[in-house]
């Protein structure tokens, strides 16, 4: 299937925003996190995908026209627009909008909403599918079936908490499974049960799974990596302590070096580890690629 995917709004044409527990939540930042993973998983399932998200536009009309025009020119089979909802703090739940005369759009909107609701979000409008009654540009100007996804309300504290639990990776997988009807298999990071550090690595992975509130089975997956924090050098305890122990097991760090914090010895060990694995140095000491290699054994 040929699927055009767009992240809603852009840096000049802002979407919704809210402050929950003194933390600002921005629609553009949230949908940019999950829409790119939607593309990743659609391609993983062998679908042809075109990213029709503009980098920036000066007006809302230009922003909307860009994605629709590219999808139409490409002759996509389906158009997906990724957003986040908001109201007055009282709205909650997930929904996907479709053109009132699009039977395919209605089916896809319902399936996507149901998969998102499996993450804990309340289904709106009964089954989550909402027929557009406002004449929305993307639903009226696309030549193919189209849906606009509103997975949760960013100004609702309960919805935001649910989003934190599932993460952008979990949300993206739910959306893709709703679109395609295909199950995304969790990719397990390389492990060797006969490795001399196998037992301690399994225990460290369980600790990270506990921190990330995942099933504690000792098998590291891409989902675990997606939930682990990127470490920049100011963090203490938690994941940092696990990272240090793994560097010790793998021979890159001496025992009792900068225990619980990222100090000079740890930074040196991290950079040695990255160099040995061919990972480029950056301002982020431990990113997703580095976590993946740390968890291999």
Protein backbone atom coordinates (compact mmCIF):
# COMPACT_ATOMS: atom_id res chain seq x y z
CA UNK A 1 0.00 0.00 0.00
CA UNK A 2 1.20 3.53 -0.81
CA UNK A 3 0.73 5.69 2.28
CA UNK A 4 1.41 9.42 2.62
CA UNK A 5 2.13 10.51 6.20
CA UNK A 6 2.24 14.05 7.57
CA UNK A 7 3.19 15.48 10.93
CA UNK A 8 0.69 18.22 11.80
CA UNK A 9 1.65 21.92 11.82
CA UNK A 10 5.26 23.14 11.84
CA UNK A 11 7.64 25.47 13.71
CA UNK A 12 6.06 28.61 12.20
CA UNK A 13 2.47 27.38 12.08
CA UNK A 14 2.11 26.13 15.62
CA UNK A 15 -0.52 23.74 16.88
CA UNK A 16 -1.94 23.30 20.37
CA UNK A 17 0.08 23.63 23.56
CA UNK A 18 -0.58 23.27 27.26
CA UNK A 19 1.16 23.19 30.62
CA UNK A 20 0.64 20.05 32.72
CA UNK A 21 2.27 19.88 36.16
CA UNK A 22 4.42 22.89 35.22
CA UNK A 23 5.70 21.13 32.09
CA UNK A 24 4.92 22.61 28.66
CA UNK A 25 3.55 20.18 26.10
CA UNK A 26 3.63 21.23 22.46
CA UNK A 27 1.67 19.55 19.66
CA UNK A 28 4.39 19.98 17.05
CA UNK A 29 6.99 18.38 19.32
CA UNK A 30 4.72 15.46 20.21
CA UNK A 31 3.53 14.65 16.70
CA UNK A 32 7.10 14.94 15.37
CA UNK A 33 8.08 12.26 17.87
CA UNK A 34 5.48 9.72 16.86
CA UNK A 35 4.80 10.38 13.16
CA UNK A 36 8.38 9.51 12.17
CA UNK A 37 8.02 6.18 13.96
CA UNK A 38 4.73 5.60 12.14
CA UNK A 39 6.72 5.90 8.90
CA UNK A 40 9.43 3.60 10.24
CA UNK A 41 7.02 0.82 11.19
CA UNK A 42 4.96 1.10 8.00
CA UNK A 43 8.15 0.59 6.01
CA UNK A 44 9.16 -2.26 8.30
CA UNK A 45 5.91 -3.95 7.24
CA UNK A 46 6.88 -3.40 3.57
CA UNK A 47 4.51 -0.55 2.77
CA UNK A 48 5.62 2.25 0.46
CA UNK A 49 5.61 5.51 2.42
CA UNK A 50 6.06 9.15 1.47
CA UNK A 51 6.72 11.75 4.17
CA UNK A 52 4.66 14.78 3.12
CA UNK A 53 5.54 16.96 6.11
CA UNK A 54 6.83 20.44 5.20
CA UNK A 55 9.92 21.62 7.06
CA UNK A 56 8.36 25.04 7.50
CA UNK A 57 5.73 27.28 5.89
CA UNK A 58 4.64 30.83 6.57
CA UNK A 59 0.88 30.22 6.68
CA UNK A 60 -1.60 27.54 7.70
CA UNK A 61 -2.94 27.27 4.16
CA UNK A 62 0.56 26.66 2.77
CA UNK A 63 1.17 24.08 5.48
CA UNK A 64 -1.96 22.11 4.61
CA UNK A 65 -1.59 22.45 0.84
CA UNK A 66 1.97 21.12 0.85
CA UNK A 67 1.09 17.70 2.24
CA UNK A 68 -2.11 17.27 0.24
CA UNK A 69 -0.46 18.30 -3.03
CA UNK A 70 2.44 15.87 -2.60
CA UNK A 71 0.12 13.00 -1.64
CA UNK A 72 -2.12 13.64 -4.65
CA UNK A 73 0.83 13.91 -7.06
CA UNK A 74 2.25 10.65 -5.72
CA UNK A 75 -1.14 8.89 -6.10
CA UNK A 76 -1.15 7.58 -2.55
CA UNK A 77 -3.68 4.96 -1.50
CA UNK A 78 -4.09 6.48 1.96
CA UNK A 79 -3.27 9.82 3.63
CA UNK A 80 -2.46 9.97 7.36
CA UNK A 81 -2.19 13.28 9.23
CA UNK A 82 -0.76 13.05 12.77
CA UNK A 83 -1.86 15.54 15.43
CA UNK A 84 -2.68 15.86 19.14
CA UNK A 85 -5.99 17.14 20.49
CA UNK A 86 -6.83 19.91 22.98
CA UNK A 87 -9.88 21.62 24.45
CA UNK A 88 -10.34 23.25 27.83
CA UNK A 89 -8.68 20.58 29.91
CA UNK A 90 -11.88 18.55 30.15
CA UNK A 91 -11.69 16.76 26.81
CA UNK A 92 -10.09 13.34 26.82
CA UNK A 93 -9.60 10.23 24.71
CA UNK A 94 -8.67 9.28 21.18
CA UNK A 95 -10.36 9.72 17.84
CA UNK A 96 -9.59 9.82 14.13
CA UNK A 97 -11.47 12.02 11.70
CA UNK A 98 -12.56 10.99 8.22
CA UNK A 99 -14.56 12.47 5.35
CA UNK A 100 -18.27 11.75 5.91
CA UNK A 101 -18.56 10.06 2.48
CA UNK A 102 -15.41 7.94 2.76
CA UNK A 103 -16.25 4.38 3.77
CA UNK A 104 -12.57 3.38 3.66
CA UNK A 105 -11.62 6.41 5.72
CA UNK A 106 -14.26 5.50 8.32
CA UNK A 107 -12.96 1.93 8.62
CA UNK A 108 -9.32 3.01 8.96
CA UNK A 109 -10.27 5.75 11.47
CA UNK A 110 -12.17 3.22 13.58
CA UNK A 111 -9.39 0.61 13.47
CA UNK A 112 -6.69 3.12 14.38
CA UNK A 113 -8.74 4.52 17.25
CA UNK A 114 -9.44 1.05 18.64
CA UNK A 115 -5.75 0.17 18.62
CA UNK A 116 -4.89 3.44 20.38
CA UNK A 117 -7.61 2.75 22.97
CA UNK A 118 -5.87 -0.54 23.78
CA UNK A 119 -3.14 1.63 25.31
CA UNK A 120 -5.69 2.92 27.83
CA UNK A 121 -7.12 5.98 26.07
CA UNK A 122 -10.90 6.43 26.07
CA UNK A 123 -12.64 5.92 22.71
CA UNK A 124 -14.54 9.03 21.68
CA UNK A 125 -17.73 8.92 19.59
CA UNK A 126 -18.34 5.28 20.45
CA UNK A 127 -15.75 3.71 18.15
CA UNK A 128 -13.30 6.59 17.82
CA UNK A 129 -14.20 7.35 14.19
CA UNK A 130 -15.53 10.88 13.70
CA UNK A 131 -17.08 12.13 10.46
CA UNK A 132 -15.75 15.60 9.67
CA UNK A 133 -18.43 18.29 9.86
CA UNK A 134 -16.10 21.29 9.46
CA UNK A 135 -14.89 20.78 5.89
CA UNK A 136 -11.29 20.15 6.95
CA UNK A 137 -8.84 20.78 4.12
CA UNK A 138 -6.92 17.51 4.27
CA UNK A 139 -10.07 15.40 4.23
CA UNK A 140 -11.71 17.36 1.42
CA UNK A 141 -8.78 17.98 -0.92
CA UNK A 142 -7.07 14.58 -0.91
CA UNK A 143 -7.91 12.27 -3.82
CA UNK A 144 -7.53 9.19 -1.66
CA UNK A 145 -9.01 8.06 1.65
CA UNK A 146 -7.62 10.21 4.46
CA UNK A 147 -7.74 10.36 8.24
CA UNK A 148 -6.58 12.89 10.82
CA UNK A 149 -5.39 11.20 14.01
CA UNK A 150 -5.98 12.86 17.39
CA UNK A 151 -4.61 10.21 19.81
CA UNK A 152 -5.05 12.14 23.07
CA UNK A 153 -5.63 15.58 24.63
CA UNK A 154 -2.41 17.33 25.57
CA UNK A 155 -4.24 19.59 28.03
CA UNK A 156 -5.67 16.65 29.98
CA UNK A 157 -3.41 15.38 32.77
CA UNK A 158 -4.73 11.80 32.65
CA UNK A 159 -4.25 11.55 28.88
CA UNK A 160 -0.73 12.96 29.17
CA UNK A 161 0.11 10.40 31.85
CA UNK A 162 -1.13 7.59 29.58
CA UNK A 163 1.02 8.97 26.77
CA UNK A 164 4.07 8.98 29.03
CA UNK A 165 3.45 5.31 29.83
CA UNK A 166 3.10 4.11 26.24
CA UNK A 167 5.61 6.59 24.79
CA UNK A 168 5.83 7.73 21.19
CA UNK A 169 7.02 4.27 20.19
CA UNK A 170 4.01 2.50 21.68
CA UNK A 171 1.64 5.04 20.16
CA UNK A 172 3.21 4.73 16.71
CA UNK A 173 3.00 0.94 16.80
CA UNK A 174 -0.69 1.09 17.76
CA UNK A 175 -1.42 3.47 14.88
CA UNK A 176 0.42 1.33 12.34
CA UNK A 177 -1.29 -1.84 13.52
CA UNK A 178 -4.62 -0.04 13.16
CA UNK A 179 -3.80 1.14 9.64
CA UNK A 180 -2.48 -2.18 8.36
CA UNK A 181 -4.04 -4.88 10.52
CA UNK A 182 -0.51 -6.29 10.83
CA UNK A 183 1.26 -6.99 14.11
CA UNK A 184 4.63 -5.36 14.71
CA UNK A 185 7.03 -7.80 16.28
CA UNK A 186 9.37 -6.43 18.93
CA UNK A 187 12.95 -6.73 17.73
CA UNK A 188 15.10 -8.28 20.44
CA UNK A 189 18.59 -6.85 20.80
CA UNK A 190 21.36 -9.37 20.18
CA UNK A 191 22.07 -11.61 23.16
CA UNK A 192 24.16 -14.74 23.73
CA UNK A 193 23.09 -16.95 26.64
CA UNK A 194 26.56 -18.53 26.74
CA UNK A 195 28.28 -15.16 27.20
CA UNK A 196 30.25 -14.95 30.49
CA UNK A 197 28.25 -11.83 31.42
CA UNK A 198 24.85 -13.19 30.30
CA UNK A 199 23.34 -13.59 33.78
CA UNK A 200 24.38 -10.14 35.02
CA UNK A 201 23.26 -8.51 31.77
CA UNK A 202 19.82 -10.12 32.05
CA UNK A 203 19.49 -8.71 35.57
CA UNK A 204 20.56 -5.22 34.48
CA UNK A 205 18.03 -5.34 31.64
CA UNK A 206 15.31 -6.32 34.14
CA UNK A 207 16.22 -3.27 36.24
CA UNK A 208 15.92 -1.00 33.19
CA UNK A 209 12.59 -2.64 32.30
CA UNK A 210 11.37 -1.95 35.85
CA UNK A 211 12.42 1.70 35.56
CA UNK A 212 10.57 1.97 32.22
CA UNK A 213 7.55 0.02 33.53
CA UNK A 214 7.90 -2.79 31.01
CA UNK A 215 7.61 -6.55 31.45
CA UNK A 216 10.69 -7.70 33.38
CA UNK A 217 11.78 -10.64 31.23
CA UNK A 218 15.47 -9.77 30.80
CA UNK A 219 15.22 -9.48 27.00
CA UNK A 220 16.17 -6.05 25.66
CA UNK A 221 14.04 -4.77 22.78
CA UNK A 222 13.77 -1.67 20.63
CA UNK A 223 10.81 -0.63 22.77
CA UNK A 224 13.01 -0.63 25.89
CA UNK A 225 15.67 1.47 24.12
CA UNK A 226 13.01 3.95 22.96
CA UNK A 227 11.97 4.54 26.58
CA UNK A 228 15.44 4.86 28.05
CA UNK A 229 16.59 8.45 28.63
CA UNK A 230 19.34 9.98 26.57
CA UNK A 231 22.16 10.79 28.99
CA UNK A 232 23.96 14.10 28.64
CA UNK A 233 26.08 14.14 31.78
CA UNK A 234 23.84 15.77 34.40
CA UNK A 235 21.81 12.73 35.46
CA UNK A 236 22.25 10.81 38.71
CA UNK A 237 21.41 7.28 39.84
CA UNK A 238 18.83 5.07 38.11
CA UNK A 239 19.80 4.35 34.52
CA UNK A 240 23.22 5.93 35.06
CA UNK A 241 24.13 3.32 37.68
CA UNK A 242 23.08 0.50 35.36
CA UNK A 243 25.08 2.05 32.53
CA UNK A 244 28.16 2.19 34.77
CA UNK A 245 27.87 -1.45 35.81
CA UNK A 246 27.56 -2.55 32.18
CA UNK A 247 30.68 -0.58 31.26
CA UNK A 248 32.48 -2.36 34.12
CA UNK A 249 31.25 -5.81 32.93
CA UNK A 250 32.50 -5.02 29.44
CA UNK A 251 35.89 -3.82 30.63
CA UNK A 252 35.63 -0.12 29.81
CA UNK A 253 35.39 1.19 33.40
CA UNK A 254 37.10 0.42 36.69
CA UNK A 255 35.00 -0.40 39.75
CA UNK A 256 34.00 2.46 42.06
CA UNK A 257 34.55 5.13 39.38
CA UNK A 258 32.17 8.11 39.65
CA UNK A 259 29.55 5.90 41.29
CA UNK A 260 26.00 7.11 40.60
CA UNK A 261 26.99 10.17 38.56
CA UNK A 262 28.54 10.80 35.16
CA UNK A 263 31.97 12.11 36.08
CA UNK A 264 35.26 12.29 34.16
CA UNK A 265 36.01 8.56 34.45
CA UNK A 266 32.57 7.62 33.14
CA UNK A 267 32.72 10.10 30.27
CA UNK A 268 36.10 8.72 29.28
CA UNK A 269 34.77 5.14 29.46
CA UNK A 270 31.69 6.02 27.40
CA UNK A 271 33.79 7.65 24.69
CA UNK A 272 36.15 4.66 24.61
CA UNK A 273 33.16 2.35 24.28
CA UNK A 274 31.64 4.43 21.46
CA UNK A 275 34.95 4.60 19.61
CA UNK A 276 35.39 0.83 19.89
CA UNK A 277 31.89 0.27 18.45
CA UNK A 278 32.20 2.92 15.75
CA UNK A 279 29.61 5.28 17.27
CA UNK A 280 30.29 8.95 16.62
CA UNK A 281 30.88 11.20 19.62
CA UNK A 282 28.27 13.91 20.24
CA UNK A 283 26.87 16.17 22.97
CA UNK A 284 24.61 13.27 23.95
CA UNK A 285 26.77 10.73 25.77
CA UNK A 286 24.27 7.86 25.64
CA UNK A 287 21.76 7.95 22.79
CA UNK A 288 19.58 5.17 21.38
CA UNK A 289 22.37 3.63 19.29
CA UNK A 290 24.71 3.59 22.29
CA UNK A 291 22.09 2.03 24.58
CA UNK A 292 21.50 -0.67 21.95
CA UNK A 293 25.20 -1.57 21.84
CA UNK A 294 25.48 -1.44 25.63
CA UNK A 295 22.65 -3.96 25.96
CA UNK A 296 24.16 -6.40 23.46
CA UNK A 297 26.18 -9.31 24.84
